[in-house]
C-alpha atoms as a PDB file:
ATOM      1  CA  MET A   1       0.000   0.000   0.000  1.00  0.00           C
ATOM      2  CA  GLY A   2       1.491   3.308  -1.093  1.00  0.00           C
ATOM      3  CA  SER A   3       1.049   6.778   0.309  1.00  0.00           C
ATOM      4  CA  ALA A   4      -2.095   7.350  -1.772  1.00  0.00           C
ATOM      5  CA  GLY A   5      -3.649   4.233  -0.259  1.00  0.00           C
ATOM      6  CA  VAL A   6      -2.789   5.376   3.254  1.00  0.00           C
ATOM      7  CA  ALA A   7      -4.244   8.835   2.527  1.00  0.00           C
ATOM      8  CA  ALA A   8      -7.461   7.240   1.240  1.00  0.00           C
ATOM      9  CA  LEU A   9      -7.681   5.079   4.342  1.00  0.00           C
ATOM     10  CA  VAL A  10      -7.153   8.085   6.632  1.00  0.00           C
ATOM     11  CA  ALA A  11      -9.802  10.108   4.742  1.00  0.00           C
ATOM     12  CA  HIS A  12     -12.381   7.320   5.009  1.00  0.00           C
ATOM     13  CA  LEU A  13     -11.591   6.650   8.658  1.00  0.00           C
ATOM     14  CA  ALA A  14     -11.898  10.360   9.479  1.00  0.00           C
ATOM     15  CA  PHE A  15     -15.194  10.569   7.589  1.00  0.00           C
ATOM     16  CA  TRP A  16     -16.798   7.723   9.521  1.00  0.00           C
ATOM     17  CA  ILE A  17     -15.467   9.034  12.846  1.00  0.00           C
ATOM     18  CA  LEU A  18     -16.869  12.504  12.123  1.00  0.00           C
ATOM     19  CA  VAL A  19     -20.232  11.061  11.051  1.00  0.00           C
ATOM     20  CA  LEU A  20     -20.417   9.005  14.244  1.00  0.00           C
ATOM     21  CA  TYR A  21     -19.375  11.981  16.367  1.00  0.00           C
ATOM     22  CA  ARG A  22     -21.954  14.225  14.718  1.00  0.00           C
ATOM     23  CA  TRP A  23     -24.638  11.567  15.163  1.00  0.00           C
ATOM     24  CA  LEU A  24     -23.880  11.462  18.875  1.00  0.00           C
ATOM     25  CA  ILE A  25     -23.896  15.241  19.490  1.00  0.00           C
ATOM     26  CA  GLU A  26     -26.692  16.527  17.228  1.00  0.00           C
ATOM     27  CA  GLU A  27     -30.344  16.567  18.214  1.00  0.00           C
ATOM     28  CA  GLN A  28     -31.625  16.334  14.629  1.00  0.00           C
ATOM     29  CA  ARG A  29     -29.686  13.184  13.863  1.00  0.00           C
ATOM     30  CA  VAL A  30     -31.339  12.243  10.580  1.00  0.00           C
ATOM     31  CA  ARG A  31     -30.569  15.587   8.972  1.00  0.00           C
ATOM     32  CA  ALA A  32     -27.136  15.892  10.604  1.00  0.00           C
ATOM     33  CA  ILE A  33     -25.829  12.642   9.180  1.00  0.00           C
ATOM     34  CA  GLY A  34     -28.255  12.132   6.302  1.00  0.00           C
ATOM     35  CA  VAL A  35     -26.756  14.843   4.121  1.00  0.00           C
ATOM     36  CA  PRO A  36     -23.108  13.717   4.474  1.00  0.00           C
ATOM     37  CA  LEU A  37     -24.095  10.086   3.966  1.00  0.00           C
ATOM     38  CA  ALA A  38     -26.183  10.956   0.896  1.00  0.00           C
ATOM     39  CA  LEU A  39     -23.242  12.896  -0.552  1.00  0.00           C
ATOM     40  CA  TRP A  40     -20.902   9.982   0.178  1.00  0.00           C
ATOM     41  CA  VAL A  41     -23.245   7.516  -1.548  1.00  0.00           C
ATOM     42  CA  ALA A  42     -23.673   9.899  -4.507  1.00  0.00           C
ATOM     43  CA  GLY A  43     -19.910  10.106  -4.886  1.00  0.00           C
ATOM     44  CA  PHE A  44     -19.460   6.378  -4.463  1.00  0.00           C
ATOM     45  CA  LEU A  45     -22.034   5.611  -7.132  1.00  0.00           C
ATOM     46  CA  GLY A  46     -21.416   8.552  -9.468  1.00  0.00           C
ATOM     47  CA  LEU A  47     -17.672   9.089  -9.585  1.00  0.00           C
ATOM     48  CA  PRO A  48     -16.865   5.813 -11.396  1.00  0.00           C
ATOM     49  CA  TYR A  49     -18.714   7.191 -14.431  1.00  0.00           C
ATOM     50  CA  LEU A  50     -16.236  10.082 -14.705  1.00  0.00           C
ATOM     51  CA  PRO A  51     -12.803   9.672 -16.264  1.00  0.00           C
ATOM     52  CA  TYR A  52     -10.436   8.726 -13.417  1.00  0.00           C
ATOM     53  CA  GLY A  53     -13.385   9.057 -11.066  1.00  0.00           C
ATOM     54  CA  GLU A  54     -12.403   6.131  -8.893  1.00  0.00           C
ATOM     55  CA  ALA A  55      -9.057   7.793  -8.235  1.00  0.00           C
ATOM     56  CA  LEU A  56     -10.873  11.003  -7.236  1.00  0.00           C
ATOM     57  CA  PHE A  57     -13.050   9.338  -4.594  1.00  0.00           C
ATOM     58  CA  PRO A  58     -10.533   9.679  -1.706  1.00  0.00           C
ATOM     59  CA  SER A  59     -10.158  13.387  -2.470  1.00  0.00           C
ATOM     60  CA  TYR A  60     -13.943  13.724  -2.583  1.00  0.00           C
ATOM     61  CA  VAL A  61     -14.185  12.058   0.837  1.00  0.00           C
ATOM     62  CA  ALA A  62     -11.485  14.419   2.155  1.00  0.00           C
ATOM     63  CA  VAL A  63     -13.592  17.407   1.051  1.00  0.00           C
ATOM     64  CA  LEU A  64     -16.573  15.869   2.849  1.00  0.00           C
ATOM     65  CA  ASP A  65     -14.337  15.542   5.937  1.00  0.00           C
ATOM     66  CA  ILE A  66     -13.539  19.251   5.803  1.00  0.00           C
ATOM     67  CA  ALA A  67     -17.213  20.161   5.415  1.00  0.00           C
ATOM     68  CA  LEU A  68     -18.175  17.922   8.349  1.00  0.00           C
ATOM     69  CA  LEU A  69     -15.445  19.381  10.526  1.00  0.00           C
ATOM     70  CA  ILE A  70     -16.598  22.928   9.764  1.00  0.00           C
ATOM     71  CA  ALA A  71     -20.211  21.897  10.494  1.00  0.00           C
ATOM     72  CA  ILE A  72     -19.197  20.388  13.839  1.00  0.00           C
ATOM     73  CA  VAL A  73     -16.946  23.239  14.940  1.00  0.00           C
ATOM     74  CA  LYS A  74     -19.288  25.837  13.375  1.00  0.00           C
ATOM     75  CA  ASP A  75     -16.291  28.010  12.492  1.00  0.00           C
ATOM     76  CA  ASP A  76     -13.371  27.937  10.143  1.00  0.00           C
ATOM     77  CA  VAL A  77     -10.490  25.797  11.361  1.00  0.00           C
ATOM     78  CA  SER A  78      -7.159  27.601  11.014  1.00  0.00           C
ATOM     79  CA  LEU A  79      -3.879  25.781  10.662  1.00  0.00           C
ATOM     80  CA  ARG A  80      -1.103  27.374  12.654  1.00  0.00           C
END
């Protein structure tokens, strides 16, 4: 497994951890995790139809991770 495989694994692991965390802290659980899960499924099913789409899926999941993190923190996360 190369560095791209490790990055994909980290992105997917972070996504599922953030979804679980958001499910545990939000009162409107269906909406809080339904949207990210629907976007994940849409990417999983739709990206293979694009050229090199399967290779783009880990990056797509990483963008979903960023969106989930911003939704949980409710502010922009700065890197220092």
